[in-house]
């Protein structure tokens, strides 16, 4: 099954595992879990709040 992927080098979306000579990352967010014990750390690192 193909999933949309994101190339951080050229800022484009693709279905390939490698694009522009670099690995691509999943374009989908992680699943939401209301009991996530590390959610506070992740929000602090990302938003600086």
N, C-alpha and C. Protein backbone atom coordinates (compact mmCIF):
# COMPACT_ATOMS: atom_id res chain seq x y z
N UNK A 1 0.84 -1.18 0.00
CA UNK A 1 0.00 0.00 0.00
C UNK A 1 0.89 1.25 0.00
N UNK A 2 0.59 2.17 -0.87
CA UNK A 2 1.38 3.39 -0.98
C UNK A 2 0.84 4.45 -0.05
N UNK A 3 1.75 5.18 0.57
CA UNK A 3 1.37 6.29 1.44
C UNK A 3 2.13 7.52 0.98
N UNK A 4 1.52 8.66 1.14
CA UNK A 4 2.13 9.92 0.75
C UNK A 4 3.36 10.18 1.61
N UNK A 5 4.46 10.59 0.98
CA UNK A 5 5.70 10.88 1.67
C UNK A 5 6.15 12.29 1.32
N UNK A 6 7.03 12.88 2.15
CA UNK A 6 7.47 14.25 1.97
C UNK A 6 8.98 14.29 1.84
N UNK A 7 9.48 14.99 0.81
CA UNK A 7 10.91 15.17 0.60
C UNK A 7 11.32 16.50 1.21
N UNK A 8 12.21 16.47 2.20
CA UNK A 8 12.61 17.71 2.87
C UNK A 8 13.64 18.49 2.06
N UNK A 9 14.26 17.87 1.06
CA UNK A 9 15.26 18.55 0.24
C UNK A 9 14.58 19.52 -0.73
N UNK A 10 13.61 19.02 -1.49
CA UNK A 10 12.95 19.87 -2.50
C UNK A 10 11.56 20.32 -2.07
N UNK A 11 11.15 19.99 -0.84
CA UNK A 11 9.85 20.40 -0.29
C UNK A 11 8.68 19.96 -1.16
N UNK A 12 8.69 18.71 -1.62
CA UNK A 12 7.61 18.20 -2.44
C UNK A 12 7.10 16.88 -1.88
N UNK A 13 5.91 16.49 -2.30
CA UNK A 13 5.29 15.25 -1.87
C UNK A 13 5.48 14.20 -2.96
N UNK A 14 5.67 12.95 -2.54
CA UNK A 14 5.93 11.87 -3.48
C UNK A 14 5.46 10.56 -2.87
N UNK A 15 5.44 9.50 -3.67
CA UNK A 15 5.15 8.16 -3.18
C UNK A 15 6.40 7.32 -3.03
N UNK A 16 7.55 7.85 -3.48
CA UNK A 16 8.80 7.11 -3.47
C UNK A 16 9.46 7.15 -2.09
N UNK A 17 10.23 6.10 -1.78
CA UNK A 17 10.98 6.04 -0.52
C UNK A 17 12.16 7.01 -0.53
N UNK A 18 12.76 7.23 -1.71
CA UNK A 18 13.88 8.15 -1.85
C UNK A 18 13.58 9.10 -3.01
N UNK A 19 13.88 10.38 -2.81
CA UNK A 19 13.61 11.40 -3.82
C UNK A 19 14.70 12.45 -3.71
N UNK A 20 15.23 12.92 -4.81
CA UNK A 20 16.32 13.92 -4.83
C UNK A 20 17.58 13.39 -4.16
N UNK A 21 17.75 12.10 -4.13
CA UNK A 21 18.93 11.52 -3.50
C UNK A 21 18.88 11.48 -1.99
N UNK A 22 17.73 11.74 -1.40
CA UNK A 22 17.58 11.71 0.06
C UNK A 22 16.37 10.86 0.43
N UNK A 23 16.35 10.36 1.64
CA UNK A 23 15.21 9.59 2.12
C UNK A 23 14.04 10.53 2.36
N UNK A 24 12.84 10.02 2.13
CA UNK A 24 11.64 10.80 2.38
C UNK A 24 11.04 10.39 3.71
N UNK A 25 10.24 11.25 4.28
CA UNK A 25 9.57 10.98 5.55
C UNK A 25 8.08 10.89 5.32
N UNK A 26 7.39 10.25 6.22
CA UNK A 26 5.95 10.12 6.12
C UNK A 26 5.31 11.51 6.24
N UNK A 27 4.33 11.77 5.40
CA UNK A 27 3.65 13.06 5.42
C UNK A 27 2.46 13.06 6.38
N UNK A 28 2.20 11.93 7.02
CA UNK A 28 1.06 11.79 7.91
C UNK A 28 1.50 12.03 9.35
N UNK A 29 0.68 12.68 10.15
CA UNK A 29 1.03 12.89 11.55
C UNK A 29 0.91 11.58 12.35
N UNK A 30 1.53 11.56 13.49
CA UNK A 30 1.43 10.39 14.36
C UNK A 30 0.01 10.28 14.90
N UNK A 31 -0.38 9.09 15.28
CA UNK A 31 -1.71 8.89 15.84
C UNK A 31 -1.85 9.63 17.16
N UNK A 32 -3.05 10.13 17.41
CA UNK A 32 -3.33 10.88 18.63
C UNK A 32 -3.62 9.90 19.76
N UNK A 33 -2.99 10.13 20.88
CA UNK A 33 -3.23 9.33 22.07
C UNK A 33 -3.42 10.30 23.23
N UNK A 34 -4.62 10.37 23.83
CA UNK A 34 -4.85 11.32 24.92
C UNK A 34 -4.02 11.01 26.17
N UNK A 35 -3.51 9.81 26.30
CA UNK A 35 -2.70 9.42 27.46
C UNK A 35 -1.21 9.45 27.14
N UNK A 36 -0.79 10.26 26.18
CA UNK A 36 0.60 10.33 25.77
C UNK A 36 1.45 10.92 26.90
N UNK A 37 2.37 10.14 27.48
CA UNK A 37 3.16 10.66 28.59
C UNK A 37 4.24 11.66 28.16
N UNK A 38 4.58 11.72 26.87
CA UNK A 38 5.64 12.61 26.40
C UNK A 38 5.10 13.79 25.60
N UNK A 39 3.79 13.99 25.57
CA UNK A 39 3.19 15.07 24.80
C UNK A 39 3.66 16.45 25.26
N UNK A 40 3.78 16.65 26.55
CA UNK A 40 4.24 17.93 27.07
C UNK A 40 5.66 18.26 26.64
N UNK A 41 6.53 17.27 26.65
CA UNK A 41 7.91 17.48 26.21
C UNK A 41 7.96 17.83 24.72
N UNK A 42 7.15 17.15 23.93
CA UNK A 42 7.15 17.38 22.49
C UNK A 42 6.62 18.78 22.16
N UNK A 43 5.58 19.22 22.85
CA UNK A 43 5.04 20.57 22.61
C UNK A 43 6.03 21.65 23.06
N UNK A 44 6.74 21.40 24.15
CA UNK A 44 7.74 22.36 24.62
C UNK A 44 8.88 22.47 23.63
N UNK A 45 9.33 21.35 23.10
CA UNK A 45 10.43 21.36 22.13
C UNK A 45 10.02 22.03 20.83
N UNK A 46 8.78 21.83 20.43
CA UNK A 46 8.35 22.38 19.13
C UNK A 46 7.94 23.84 19.22
N UNK A 47 7.20 24.20 20.25
CA UNK A 47 6.64 25.55 20.34
C UNK A 47 7.34 26.43 21.37
N UNK A 48 8.17 25.85 22.23
CA UNK A 48 8.89 26.65 23.22
C UNK A 48 8.00 27.22 24.30
N UNK A 49 6.88 26.58 24.55
CA UNK A 49 5.92 27.10 25.56
C UNK A 49 6.23 26.51 26.89
